[in-house]
């Protein structure tokens, strides 16, 4: 009965190839993240509709050919950018909620984080609403918008539930109300430059009202 002979040198060669492939993939991902950060800066200033791949390449100090090596078109690049910054936003919300054990503490912390996010990342959030609107007309954006929307719903609904909102059936309504408040305050801040402490108070009142609506008999 023949036994299959092992080849240690072949296994070692395969391991080196796999390691090289991992390093190459990590380097490529790092470069894509670097481009995305630069792209977000350009989009904040120009908006989605007014920004071309050539604009982004120039802003990133790259040739158009180099940019399209990493991202085939504008839709792919914007999708990557939106995923990147929304993941950070969701992570901050989860940290804010997880840092307080009481409903009042959660409401305070959540209001503070939402106010901070508008104050520090106003232009980036405007981009999200821009892309969300674009998805109504451009099907290439619909999968990423649906994916991010689902994560936002689950994260913010869990936060509202931890803060005392009762009844799973009303959680989608609670999320929709909070999203509406966030967008309105974002819009007002863009127009009137509302200070952080004012935003925090408005968010705190809105959050308490959303939670308390399920406590009414």
N, C-alpha and C. Protein backbone atom coordinates (compact mmCIF):
# COMPACT_ATOMS: atom_id res chain seq x y z
N UNK A 1 0.85 -1.19 0.00
CA UNK A 1 0.00 0.00 0.00
C UNK A 1 0.89 1.24 0.00
N UNK A 2 0.70 2.08 -0.99
CA UNK A 2 1.55 3.26 -1.11
C UNK A 2 1.11 4.34 -0.14
N UNK A 3 2.07 4.99 0.46
CA UNK A 3 1.78 6.12 1.35
C UNK A 3 2.19 7.41 0.66
N UNK A 4 1.35 8.44 0.81
CA UNK A 4 1.64 9.73 0.19
C UNK A 4 2.79 10.39 0.95
N UNK A 5 3.83 10.76 0.22
CA UNK A 5 4.99 11.36 0.82
C UNK A 5 4.74 12.84 1.07
N UNK A 6 5.16 13.31 2.23
CA UNK A 6 5.02 14.73 2.53
C UNK A 6 6.24 15.47 2.01
N UNK A 7 6.05 16.74 1.70
CA UNK A 7 7.12 17.58 1.18
C UNK A 7 7.22 18.82 2.03
N UNK A 8 8.06 18.78 3.08
CA UNK A 8 8.17 19.94 3.98
C UNK A 8 8.52 21.21 3.26
N UNK A 9 9.40 21.07 2.22
CA UNK A 9 9.80 22.29 1.50
C UNK A 9 8.64 22.91 0.75
N UNK A 10 7.70 22.06 0.26
CA UNK A 10 6.52 22.56 -0.43
C UNK A 10 5.58 23.26 0.54
N UNK A 11 5.39 22.65 1.72
CA UNK A 11 4.53 23.26 2.74
C UNK A 11 5.10 24.60 3.18
N UNK A 12 6.42 24.67 3.33
CA UNK A 12 7.06 25.93 3.72
C UNK A 12 6.86 26.98 2.65
N UNK A 13 6.96 26.58 1.39
CA UNK A 13 6.78 27.50 0.28
C UNK A 13 5.35 28.03 0.23
N UNK A 14 4.38 27.13 0.48
CA UNK A 14 2.97 27.54 0.49
C UNK A 14 2.70 28.52 1.62
N UNK A 15 3.32 28.25 2.79
CA UNK A 15 3.14 29.15 3.93
C UNK A 15 3.67 30.54 3.61
N UNK A 16 4.83 30.58 2.95
CA UNK A 16 5.41 31.88 2.59
C UNK A 16 4.53 32.62 1.59
N UNK A 17 3.95 31.87 0.65
CA UNK A 17 3.06 32.50 -0.33
C UNK A 17 1.80 33.05 0.33
N UNK A 18 1.26 32.28 1.28
CA UNK A 18 0.06 32.73 2.00
C UNK A 18 0.36 33.97 2.83
N UNK A 19 1.52 33.97 3.49
CA UNK A 19 1.91 35.13 4.30
C UNK A 19 2.11 36.36 3.42
N UNK A 20 2.73 36.16 2.27
CA UNK A 20 2.94 37.26 1.33
C UNK A 20 1.61 37.80 0.83
N UNK A 21 0.65 36.90 0.58
CA UNK A 21 -0.67 37.33 0.12
C UNK A 21 -1.40 38.11 1.20
N UNK A 22 -1.25 37.68 2.48
CA UNK A 22 -1.88 38.40 3.59
C UNK A 22 -1.29 39.80 3.74
N UNK A 23 0.05 39.88 3.63
CA UNK A 23 0.69 41.20 3.75
C UNK A 23 0.26 42.13 2.61
N UNK A 24 0.15 41.56 1.43
CA UNK A 24 -0.28 42.36 0.27
C UNK A 24 -1.71 42.85 0.45
N UNK A 25 -2.58 41.96 0.95
CA UNK A 25 -3.99 42.33 1.16
C UNK A 25 -4.10 43.40 2.24
N UNK A 26 -3.31 43.26 3.31
CA UNK A 26 -3.34 44.24 4.40
C UNK A 26 -2.83 45.60 3.91
N UNK A 27 -1.80 45.58 3.10
CA UNK A 27 -1.24 46.83 2.54
C UNK A 27 -2.26 47.51 1.63
N UNK A 28 -2.94 46.69 0.82
CA UNK A 28 -3.95 47.24 -0.07
C UNK A 28 -5.11 47.85 0.72
N UNK A 29 -5.53 47.15 1.78
CA UNK A 29 -6.64 47.65 2.60
C UNK A 29 -6.24 48.94 3.30
N UNK A 30 -4.99 49.00 3.76
CA UNK A 30 -4.50 50.23 4.41
C UNK A 30 -4.51 51.40 3.44
N UNK A 31 -4.11 51.14 2.21
CA UNK A 31 -4.10 52.20 1.20
C UNK A 31 -5.52 52.64 0.86
N UNK A 32 -6.45 51.69 0.79
CA UNK A 32 -7.84 52.03 0.51
C UNK A 32 -8.43 52.91 1.62
N UNK A 33 -8.07 52.58 2.87
CA UNK A 33 -8.54 53.39 3.99
C UNK A 33 -7.96 54.79 3.92
N UNK A 34 -6.68 54.90 3.56
CA UNK A 34 -6.03 56.20 3.41
C UNK A 34 -6.73 57.03 2.33
N UNK A 35 -7.06 56.39 1.21
CA UNK A 35 -7.76 57.09 0.13
C UNK A 35 -9.15 57.51 0.59
N UNK A 36 -9.83 56.64 1.34
CA UNK A 36 -11.18 56.94 1.80
C UNK A 36 -11.20 58.15 2.72
N UNK A 37 -10.21 58.26 3.61
CA UNK A 37 -10.13 59.41 4.51
C UNK A 37 -9.95 60.70 3.71
N UNK A 38 -9.09 60.65 2.70
CA UNK A 38 -8.88 61.81 1.84
C UNK A 38 -10.13 62.12 1.03
N UNK A 39 -10.82 61.08 0.59
CA UNK A 39 -12.05 61.26 -0.18
C UNK A 39 -13.13 61.92 0.66
N UNK A 40 -13.27 61.48 1.90
CA UNK A 40 -14.26 62.08 2.79
C UNK A 40 -14.02 63.57 2.96
N UNK A 41 -12.76 63.96 3.03
CA UNK A 41 -12.42 65.38 3.16
C UNK A 41 -12.87 66.15 1.93
N UNK A 42 -12.65 65.57 0.75
CA UNK A 42 -13.08 66.23 -0.49
C UNK A 42 -14.60 66.29 -0.59
N UNK A 43 -15.26 65.21 -0.20
CA UNK A 43 -16.73 65.16 -0.29
C UNK A 43 -17.38 66.12 0.69
N UNK A 44 -16.76 66.31 1.85
CA UNK A 44 -17.30 67.26 2.83
C UNK A 44 -17.36 68.66 2.25
N UNK A 45 -16.34 69.00 1.46
CA UNK A 45 -16.26 70.36 0.91
C UNK A 45 -17.12 70.52 -0.34
N UNK A 46 -17.16 69.48 -1.18
CA UNK A 46 -17.80 69.62 -2.48
C UNK A 46 -19.17 68.97 -2.57
N UNK A 47 -19.45 67.99 -1.69
CA UNK A 47 -20.69 67.24 -1.79
C UNK A 47 -20.56 66.12 -2.80
N UNK A 48 -21.45 65.15 -2.69
CA UNK A 48 -21.37 63.98 -3.56
C UNK A 48 -21.53 64.33 -5.03
N UNK A 49 -22.57 65.10 -5.35
CA UNK A 49 -22.90 65.37 -6.75
C UNK A 49 -21.81 66.15 -7.46
N UNK A 50 -21.09 67.01 -6.73
CA UNK A 50 -20.11 67.88 -7.36
C UNK A 50 -18.69 67.34 -7.34
N UNK A 51 -18.50 66.12 -6.86
CA UNK A 51 -17.17 65.54 -6.75
C UNK A 51 -16.99 64.43 -7.77
N UNK A 52 -15.95 64.51 -8.58
CA UNK A 52 -15.65 63.48 -9.57
C UNK A 52 -14.46 62.64 -9.10
N UNK A 53 -14.24 61.52 -9.76
CA UNK A 53 -13.08 60.69 -9.46
C UNK A 53 -11.79 61.48 -9.70
N UNK A 54 -11.79 62.33 -10.70
CA UNK A 54 -10.61 63.15 -10.98
C UNK A 54 -10.34 64.13 -9.83
N UNK A 55 -11.43 64.72 -9.27
CA UNK A 55 -11.28 65.61 -8.10
C UNK A 55 -10.67 64.85 -6.93
N UNK A 56 -11.17 63.64 -6.69
CA UNK A 56 -10.70 62.84 -5.56
C UNK A 56 -9.24 62.45 -5.75
N UNK A 57 -8.89 62.07 -6.98
CA UNK A 57 -7.50 61.71 -7.28
C UNK A 57 -6.58 62.89 -7.01
N UNK A 58 -6.97 64.07 -7.47
CA UNK A 58 -6.15 65.27 -7.27
C UNK A 58 -6.02 65.59 -5.79
N UNK A 59 -7.12 65.46 -5.06
CA UNK A 59 -7.11 65.76 -3.62
C UNK A 59 -6.24 64.78 -2.86
N UNK A 60 -6.16 63.55 -3.36
CA UNK A 60 -5.38 62.50 -2.69
C UNK A 60 -3.93 62.47 -3.17
N UNK A 61 -3.59 63.32 -4.13
CA UNK A 61 -2.22 63.33 -4.66
C UNK A 61 -1.92 62.10 -5.49
N UNK A 62 -2.94 61.60 -6.19
CA UNK A 62 -2.78 60.39 -7.00
C UNK A 62 -3.16 60.69 -8.44
N UNK A 63 -2.72 59.82 -9.33
CA UNK A 63 -3.22 59.89 -10.69
C UNK A 63 -4.58 59.20 -10.74
N UNK A 64 -5.38 59.53 -11.74
CA UNK A 64 -6.70 58.89 -11.88
C UNK A 64 -6.54 57.38 -12.07
N UNK A 65 -5.50 56.98 -12.81
CA UNK A 65 -5.25 55.56 -13.04
C UNK A 65 -4.94 54.82 -11.75
N UNK A 66 -4.15 55.46 -10.87
CA UNK A 66 -3.83 54.84 -9.59
C UNK A 66 -5.07 54.70 -8.72
N UNK A 67 -5.93 55.72 -8.75
CA UNK A 67 -7.15 55.66 -7.95
C UNK A 67 -8.06 54.53 -8.42
N UNK A 68 -8.22 54.39 -9.73
CA UNK A 68 -9.11 53.35 -10.25
C UNK A 68 -8.50 51.95 -10.09
N UNK A 69 -7.22 51.86 -9.76
CA UNK A 69 -6.63 50.56 -9.43
C UNK A 69 -7.22 50.04 -8.12
N UNK A 70 -7.52 50.95 -7.19
CA UNK A 70 -8.07 50.57 -5.89
C UNK A 70 -9.60 50.58 -5.90
N UNK A 71 -10.20 51.49 -6.63
CA UNK A 71 -11.67 51.60 -6.69
C UNK A 71 -12.06 51.77 -8.15
N UNK A 72 -12.88 50.87 -8.65
CA UNK A 72 -13.19 50.89 -10.07
C UNK A 72 -14.03 52.10 -10.49
N UNK A 73 -14.87 52.59 -9.58
CA UNK A 73 -15.69 53.74 -9.93
C UNK A 73 -16.07 54.51 -8.67
N UNK A 74 -16.78 55.61 -8.86
CA UNK A 74 -17.14 56.48 -7.76
C UNK A 74 -18.07 55.79 -6.77
N UNK A 75 -18.99 54.98 -7.27
CA UNK A 75 -19.94 54.30 -6.39
C UNK A 75 -19.22 53.36 -5.43
N UNK A 76 -18.24 52.61 -5.94
CA UNK A 76 -17.48 51.69 -5.08
C UNK A 76 -16.70 52.45 -4.02
N UNK A 77 -16.11 53.57 -4.42
CA UNK A 77 -15.33 54.38 -3.48
C UNK A 77 -16.22 54.99 -2.40
N UNK A 78 -17.35 55.55 -2.80
CA UNK A 78 -18.26 56.17 -1.83
C UNK A 78 -18.81 55.12 -0.87
N UNK A 79 -19.12 53.95 -1.39
CA UNK A 79 -19.61 52.86 -0.55
C UNK A 79 -18.59 52.51 0.53
N UNK A 80 -17.34 52.43 0.15
CA UNK A 80 -16.27 52.13 1.11
C UNK A 80 -16.18 53.23 2.17
N UNK A 81 -16.24 54.48 1.72
CA UNK A 81 -16.15 55.62 2.63
C UNK A 81 -17.28 55.62 3.66
N UNK A 82 -18.49 55.42 3.19
CA UNK A 82 -19.65 55.46 4.07
C UNK A 82 -19.58 54.34 5.10
N UNK A 83 -19.19 53.16 4.66
CA UNK A 83 -19.04 52.04 5.61
C UNK A 83 -18.00 52.38 6.68
N UNK A 84 -16.93 53.00 6.27
CA UNK A 84 -15.83 53.32 7.17
C UNK A 84 -16.28 54.25 8.29
N UNK A 85 -16.91 55.37 7.93
CA UNK A 85 -17.23 56.34 8.97
C UNK A 85 -18.47 55.95 9.77
N UNK A 86 -19.40 55.22 9.17
CA UNK A 86 -20.58 54.79 9.94
C UNK A 86 -20.22 53.71 10.95
N UNK A 87 -19.23 52.88 10.62
CA UNK A 87 -18.78 51.88 11.58
C UNK A 87 -18.22 52.57 12.82
N UNK A 88 -17.49 53.66 12.63
CA UNK A 88 -16.95 54.41 13.76
C UNK A 88 -18.08 55.05 14.57
N UNK A 89 -19.07 55.61 13.90
CA UNK A 89 -20.21 56.24 14.58
C UNK A 89 -20.97 55.22 15.42
N UNK A 90 -21.24 54.05 14.85
CA UNK A 90 -21.95 52.99 15.56
C UNK A 90 -21.15 52.52 16.77
N UNK A 91 -19.84 52.38 16.58
CA UNK A 91 -18.98 51.98 17.70
C UNK A 91 -19.04 52.97 18.84
N UNK A 92 -19.07 54.26 18.55
CA UNK A 92 -19.15 55.28 19.59
C UNK A 92 -20.50 55.23 20.32
N UNK A 93 -21.56 54.98 19.59
CA UNK A 93 -22.88 54.87 20.22
C UNK A 93 -22.91 53.67 21.16
N UNK A 94 -22.38 52.55 20.71
CA UNK A 94 -22.35 51.35 21.55
C UNK A 94 -21.53 51.58 22.82
N UNK A 95 -20.41 52.27 22.68
CA UNK A 95 -19.57 52.57 23.85
C UNK A 95 -20.28 53.51 24.82
N UNK A 96 -20.97 54.50 24.26
CA UNK A 96 -21.70 55.46 25.10
C UNK A 96 -22.79 54.77 25.90
N UNK A 97 -23.52 53.88 25.26
CA UNK A 97 -24.61 53.17 25.94
C UNK A 97 -24.06 52.17 26.96
N UNK A 98 -22.97 51.49 26.59
CA UNK A 98 -22.42 50.47 27.46
C UNK A 98 -21.70 51.01 28.69
N UNK A 99 -21.44 52.30 28.71
CA UNK A 99 -20.67 52.87 29.82
C UNK A 99 -21.54 53.27 31.00
N UNK A 100 -22.88 53.15 30.88
CA UNK A 100 -23.77 53.55 31.96
C UNK A 100 -24.79 52.45 32.23
N UNK A 101 -24.98 52.06 33.49
CA UNK A 101 -25.89 50.96 33.82
C UNK A 101 -27.34 51.38 34.01
N UNK A 102 -27.60 52.67 34.18
CA UNK A 102 -28.97 53.11 34.48
C UNK A 102 -29.61 53.77 33.27
N UNK A 103 -30.94 53.71 33.15
CA UNK A 103 -31.63 54.37 32.03
C UNK A 103 -31.32 55.86 31.92
N UNK A 104 -31.33 56.57 33.05
CA UNK A 104 -31.01 58.01 32.99
C UNK A 104 -29.57 58.24 32.53
N UNK A 105 -28.67 57.41 33.00
CA UNK A 105 -27.28 57.54 32.58
C UNK A 105 -27.11 57.27 31.10
N UNK A 106 -27.84 56.29 30.58
CA UNK A 106 -27.80 55.97 29.15
C UNK A 106 -28.33 57.14 28.33
N UNK A 107 -29.45 57.73 28.77
CA UNK A 107 -30.01 58.87 28.05
C UNK A 107 -29.03 60.05 28.03
N UNK A 108 -28.40 60.31 29.17
CA UNK A 108 -27.42 61.40 29.24
C UNK A 108 -26.24 61.14 28.31
N UNK A 109 -25.72 59.92 28.37
CA UNK A 109 -24.55 59.57 27.58
C UNK A 109 -24.86 59.55 26.09
N UNK A 110 -26.03 59.03 25.73
CA UNK A 110 -26.43 58.98 24.33
C UNK A 110 -26.66 60.38 23.77
N UNK A 111 -27.31 61.23 24.54
CA UNK A 111 -27.54 62.61 24.12
C UNK A 111 -26.21 63.33 23.91
N UNK A 112 -25.27 63.10 24.83
CA UNK A 112 -23.95 63.74 24.73
C UNK A 112 -23.20 63.27 23.48
N UNK A 113 -23.27 61.97 23.19
CA UNK A 113 -22.55 61.44 22.03
C UNK A 113 -23.18 61.92 20.72
N UNK A 114 -24.50 61.96 20.65
CA UNK A 114 -25.17 62.44 19.44
C UNK A 114 -24.84 63.92 19.20
N UNK A 115 -24.83 64.71 20.27
CA UNK A 115 -24.50 66.13 20.15
C UNK A 115 -23.05 66.30 19.71
N UNK A 116 -22.16 65.50 20.31
CA UNK A 116 -20.75 65.58 19.93
C UNK A 116 -20.55 65.21 18.47
N UNK A 117 -21.29 64.19 18.03
CA UNK A 117 -21.14 63.71 16.66
C UNK A 117 -21.56 64.78 15.65
N UNK A 118 -22.65 65.48 15.93
CA UNK A 118 -23.07 66.56 15.04
C UNK A 118 -22.05 67.70 15.07
N UNK A 119 -21.58 68.04 16.26
CA UNK A 119 -20.63 69.14 16.41
C UNK A 119 -19.32 68.85 15.67
N UNK A 120 -18.81 67.62 15.82
CA UNK A 120 -17.50 67.29 15.25
C UNK A 120 -17.55 66.73 13.84
N UNK A 121 -18.66 66.07 13.48
CA UNK A 121 -18.72 65.35 12.20
C UNK A 121 -19.90 65.77 11.34
N UNK A 122 -20.28 67.03 11.42
CA UNK A 122 -21.46 67.51 10.72
C UNK A 122 -21.41 67.21 9.22
N UNK A 123 -20.29 67.55 8.58
CA UNK A 123 -20.19 67.37 7.13
C UNK A 123 -20.26 65.90 6.74
N UNK A 124 -19.70 65.04 7.57
CA UNK A 124 -19.72 63.62 7.26
C UNK A 124 -21.13 63.06 7.37
N UNK A 125 -21.89 63.50 8.37
CA UNK A 125 -23.28 63.06 8.48
C UNK A 125 -24.13 63.59 7.33
N UNK A 126 -23.84 64.80 6.89
CA UNK A 126 -24.57 65.32 5.73
C UNK A 126 -24.33 64.44 4.51
N UNK A 127 -23.12 63.92 4.39
CA UNK A 127 -22.81 63.01 3.28
C UNK A 127 -23.66 61.75 3.36
N UNK A 128 -23.85 61.21 4.59
CA UNK A 128 -24.68 60.01 4.75
C UNK A 128 -26.10 60.27 4.25
N UNK A 129 -26.68 61.38 4.64
CA UNK A 129 -28.05 61.67 4.19
C UNK A 129 -28.09 61.94 2.69
N UNK A 130 -27.00 62.50 2.16
CA UNK A 130 -26.90 62.71 0.72
C UNK A 130 -26.92 61.37 -0.01
N UNK A 131 -26.10 60.43 0.46
CA UNK A 131 -26.03 59.11 -0.17
C UNK A 131 -27.33 58.34 0.01
N UNK A 132 -27.95 58.49 1.17
CA UNK A 132 -29.22 57.80 1.41
C UNK A 132 -30.29 58.29 0.44
N UNK A 133 -30.26 59.59 0.15
CA UNK A 133 -31.20 60.13 -0.84
C UNK A 133 -30.85 59.64 -2.24
N UNK A 134 -29.54 59.59 -2.55
CA UNK A 134 -29.11 59.13 -3.86
C UNK A 134 -29.55 57.69 -4.12
N UNK A 135 -29.64 56.89 -3.06
CA UNK A 135 -30.01 55.48 -3.21
C UNK A 135 -31.43 55.32 -3.75
N UNK A 136 -32.25 56.35 -3.60
CA UNK A 136 -33.61 56.29 -4.14
C UNK A 136 -33.58 56.29 -5.67
N UNK A 137 -32.49 56.82 -6.24
CA UNK A 137 -32.39 56.94 -7.70
C UNK A 137 -31.28 56.09 -8.30
N UNK A 138 -30.27 55.79 -7.50
CA UNK A 138 -29.12 55.03 -7.99
C UNK A 138 -29.06 53.68 -7.28
N UNK A 139 -29.40 52.60 -7.97
CA UNK A 139 -29.45 51.28 -7.32
C UNK A 139 -28.10 50.78 -6.81
N UNK A 140 -27.00 51.35 -7.30
CA UNK A 140 -25.69 50.88 -6.85
C UNK A 140 -25.44 51.19 -5.38
N UNK A 141 -26.17 52.18 -4.84
CA UNK A 141 -26.00 52.54 -3.44
C UNK A 141 -26.96 51.82 -2.49
N UNK A 142 -27.95 51.17 -3.05
CA UNK A 142 -29.00 50.59 -2.20
C UNK A 142 -28.49 49.49 -1.26
N UNK A 143 -27.62 48.59 -1.70
CA UNK A 143 -27.16 47.55 -0.77
C UNK A 143 -26.42 48.12 0.44
N UNK A 144 -25.51 49.07 0.23
CA UNK A 144 -24.74 49.61 1.36
C UNK A 144 -25.62 50.46 2.26
N UNK A 145 -26.56 51.20 1.69
CA UNK A 145 -27.48 52.00 2.51
C UNK A 145 -28.35 51.08 3.35
N UNK A 146 -28.85 50.01 2.76
CA UNK A 146 -29.68 49.05 3.50
C UNK A 146 -28.87 48.38 4.61
N UNK A 147 -27.63 48.04 4.32
CA UNK A 147 -26.76 47.38 5.30
C UNK A 147 -26.49 48.31 6.50
N UNK A 148 -26.14 49.57 6.20
CA UNK A 148 -25.84 50.53 7.28
C UNK A 148 -27.10 50.90 8.04
N UNK A 149 -28.20 51.07 7.33
CA UNK A 149 -29.46 51.40 7.98
C UNK A 149 -29.86 50.31 8.96
N UNK A 150 -29.65 49.07 8.56
CA UNK A 150 -30.00 47.94 9.44
C UNK A 150 -29.14 47.97 10.71
N UNK A 151 -27.84 48.26 10.56
CA UNK A 151 -26.95 48.35 11.73
C UNK A 151 -27.34 49.50 12.63
N UNK A 152 -27.69 50.64 12.03
CA UNK A 152 -28.12 51.80 12.82
C UNK A 152 -29.40 51.48 13.59
N UNK A 153 -30.34 50.84 12.92
CA UNK A 153 -31.61 50.49 13.57
C UNK A 153 -31.37 49.58 14.76
N UNK A 154 -30.53 48.56 14.57
CA UNK A 154 -30.28 47.62 15.66
C UNK A 154 -29.54 48.28 16.82
N UNK A 155 -28.56 49.12 16.49
CA UNK A 155 -27.77 49.78 17.54
C UNK A 155 -28.59 50.79 18.32
N UNK A 156 -29.30 51.66 17.61
CA UNK A 156 -30.07 52.71 18.28
C UNK A 156 -31.32 52.15 18.96
N UNK A 157 -31.91 51.12 18.37
CA UNK A 157 -33.07 50.48 19.01
C UNK A 157 -32.65 49.81 20.32
N UNK A 158 -31.47 49.17 20.30
CA UNK A 158 -30.96 48.56 21.53
C UNK A 158 -30.68 49.62 22.59
N UNK A 159 -30.20 50.78 22.16
CA UNK A 159 -29.93 51.88 23.09
C UNK A 159 -31.23 52.38 23.71
N UNK A 160 -32.26 52.56 22.89
CA UNK A 160 -33.55 53.03 23.39
C UNK A 160 -34.16 52.00 24.35
N UNK A 161 -34.00 50.73 24.03
CA UNK A 161 -34.53 49.68 24.90
C UNK A 161 -33.80 49.67 26.24
N UNK A 162 -32.48 49.84 26.19
CA UNK A 162 -31.69 49.88 27.43
C UNK A 162 -32.05 51.10 28.27
N UNK A 163 -32.52 52.17 27.59
CA UNK A 163 -32.91 53.39 28.30
C UNK A 163 -34.33 53.33 28.84
N UNK A 164 -35.04 52.22 28.58
CA UNK A 164 -36.36 52.05 29.17
C UNK A 164 -37.52 51.99 28.21
N UNK A 165 -37.26 52.01 26.89
CA UNK A 165 -38.35 51.92 25.93
C UNK A 165 -38.95 50.52 25.97
N UNK A 166 -40.28 50.42 26.06
CA UNK A 166 -40.95 49.13 26.21
C UNK A 166 -41.65 48.72 24.92
N UNK A 167 -41.62 47.43 24.64
CA UNK A 167 -42.35 46.89 23.51
C UNK A 167 -41.53 46.84 22.24
N UNK A 168 -41.19 45.62 21.79
CA UNK A 168 -40.39 45.46 20.58
C UNK A 168 -41.08 46.05 19.35
N UNK A 169 -42.41 46.04 19.36
CA UNK A 169 -43.15 46.50 18.17
C UNK A 169 -43.01 48.00 17.94
N UNK A 170 -42.64 48.77 18.97
CA UNK A 170 -42.51 50.22 18.79
C UNK A 170 -41.07 50.65 18.53
N UNK A 171 -40.13 49.72 18.60
CA UNK A 171 -38.73 50.09 18.38
C UNK A 171 -38.47 50.69 17.00
N UNK A 172 -39.06 50.15 15.92
CA UNK A 172 -38.84 50.80 14.61
C UNK A 172 -39.34 52.25 14.61
N UNK A 173 -40.47 52.51 15.29
CA UNK A 173 -40.98 53.87 15.37
C UNK A 173 -40.02 54.75 16.18
N UNK A 174 -39.49 54.19 17.27
CA UNK A 174 -38.53 54.94 18.08
C UNK A 174 -37.30 55.31 17.28
N UNK A 175 -36.80 54.37 16.49
CA UNK A 175 -35.64 54.66 15.64
C UNK A 175 -35.97 55.75 14.63
N UNK A 176 -37.14 55.64 13.99
CA UNK A 176 -37.53 56.63 12.98
C UNK A 176 -37.64 58.02 13.59
N UNK A 177 -38.19 58.10 14.80
CA UNK A 177 -38.32 59.39 15.47
C UNK A 177 -36.95 59.96 15.81
N UNK A 178 -36.04 59.12 16.31
CA UNK A 178 -34.70 59.59 16.65
C UNK A 178 -33.94 60.02 15.39
N UNK A 179 -34.10 59.27 14.32
CA UNK A 179 -33.45 59.64 13.05
C UNK A 179 -33.97 61.00 12.57
N UNK A 180 -35.28 61.22 12.71
CA UNK A 180 -35.85 62.50 12.30
C UNK A 180 -35.32 63.66 13.13
N UNK A 181 -35.21 63.44 14.44
CA UNK A 181 -34.65 64.48 15.33
C UNK A 181 -33.20 64.76 14.96
N UNK A 182 -32.43 63.70 14.72
CA UNK A 182 -31.02 63.86 14.38
C UNK A 182 -30.87 64.66 13.09
N UNK A 183 -31.66 64.31 12.10
CA UNK A 183 -31.54 65.01 10.81
C UNK A 183 -31.95 66.47 10.94
N UNK A 184 -33.00 66.75 11.71
CA UNK A 184 -33.45 68.13 11.90
C UNK A 184 -32.39 68.96 12.61
N UNK A 185 -31.82 68.41 13.69
CA UNK A 185 -30.79 69.14 14.43
C UNK A 185 -29.53 69.31 13.59
N UNK A 186 -29.22 68.31 12.77
CA UNK A 186 -28.09 68.42 11.85
C UNK A 186 -28.32 69.57 10.87
N UNK A 187 -29.50 69.62 10.33
CA UNK A 187 -29.86 70.68 9.37
C UNK A 187 -29.82 72.05 10.03
N UNK A 188 -30.39 72.14 11.24
CA UNK A 188 -30.41 73.42 11.95
C UNK A 188 -29.00 73.89 12.33
N UNK A 189 -28.15 72.92 12.71
CA UNK A 189 -26.78 73.27 13.08
C UNK A 189 -26.00 73.75 11.88
N UNK A 190 -26.23 73.12 10.74
CA UNK A 190 -25.55 73.55 9.52
C UNK A 190 -25.94 74.99 9.15
N UNK A 191 -27.18 75.35 9.45
CA UNK A 191 -27.65 76.70 9.11
C UNK A 191 -27.33 77.73 10.18
N UNK A 192 -27.45 77.33 11.46
CA UNK A 192 -27.36 78.31 12.56
C UNK A 192 -26.18 78.10 13.50
N UNK A 193 -25.39 77.05 13.27
CA UNK A 193 -24.22 76.77 14.11
C UNK A 193 -24.61 76.65 15.59
N UNK A 194 -25.56 75.76 15.86
CA UNK A 194 -26.00 75.56 17.24
C UNK A 194 -24.85 75.02 18.10
N UNK A 195 -24.67 75.55 19.30
CA UNK A 195 -23.59 75.09 20.17
C UNK A 195 -23.87 73.70 20.72
N UNK A 196 -22.81 73.04 21.18
CA UNK A 196 -22.90 71.68 21.69
C UNK A 196 -23.90 71.56 22.83
N UNK A 197 -23.83 72.46 23.82
CA UNK A 197 -24.70 72.30 25.00
C UNK A 197 -26.18 72.41 24.63
N UNK A 198 -26.49 73.22 23.63
CA UNK A 198 -27.87 73.34 23.18
C UNK A 198 -28.32 72.06 22.48
N UNK A 199 -27.44 71.50 21.65
CA UNK A 199 -27.74 70.23 20.98
C UNK A 199 -27.96 69.12 22.01
N UNK A 200 -27.11 69.09 23.01
CA UNK A 200 -27.21 68.04 24.03
C UNK A 200 -28.54 68.12 24.75
N UNK A 201 -28.98 69.33 25.12
CA UNK A 201 -30.28 69.49 25.81
C UNK A 201 -31.43 69.04 24.91
N UNK A 202 -31.37 69.42 23.64
CA UNK A 202 -32.44 69.05 22.72
C UNK A 202 -32.50 67.54 22.51
N UNK A 203 -31.35 66.92 22.38
CA UNK A 203 -31.33 65.46 22.24
C UNK A 203 -31.86 64.78 23.50
N UNK A 204 -31.47 65.30 24.65
CA UNK A 204 -31.91 64.70 25.92
C UNK A 204 -33.42 64.75 26.05
N UNK A 205 -34.02 65.89 25.71
CA UNK A 205 -35.48 66.03 25.78
C UNK A 205 -36.16 65.10 24.78
N UNK A 206 -35.60 65.04 23.56
CA UNK A 206 -36.19 64.20 22.52
C UNK A 206 -36.11 62.72 22.90
N UNK A 207 -34.96 62.30 23.40
CA UNK A 207 -34.79 60.90 23.78
C UNK A 207 -35.74 60.51 24.91
N UNK A 208 -35.86 61.37 25.89
CA UNK A 208 -36.78 61.09 27.01
C UNK A 208 -38.21 60.98 26.51
N UNK A 209 -38.58 61.86 25.60
CA UNK A 209 -39.94 61.81 25.05
C UNK A 209 -40.20 60.54 24.26
N UNK A 210 -39.21 60.10 23.47
CA UNK A 210 -39.36 58.87 22.68
C UNK A 210 -39.52 57.67 23.60
N UNK A 211 -38.71 57.61 24.64
CA UNK A 211 -38.77 56.49 25.59
C UNK A 211 -40.09 56.51 26.36
N UNK A 212 -40.48 57.68 26.83
CA UNK A 212 -41.66 57.80 27.68
C UNK A 212 -42.97 57.54 26.95
N UNK A 213 -42.98 57.63 25.64
CA UNK A 213 -44.24 57.44 24.91
C UNK A 213 -44.76 56.01 25.08
N UNK A 214 -43.87 55.06 25.42
CA UNK A 214 -44.32 53.69 25.64
C UNK A 214 -44.73 53.43 27.08
N UNK A 215 -44.61 54.44 27.93
CA UNK A 215 -44.99 54.30 29.34
C UNK A 215 -46.39 54.83 29.60
N UNK A 216 -46.97 55.45 28.57
CA UNK A 216 -48.31 56.01 28.72
C UNK A 216 -49.35 54.91 28.55
N UNK A 217 -50.26 54.77 29.50
CA UNK A 217 -51.30 53.70 29.41
C UNK A 217 -52.16 53.89 28.16
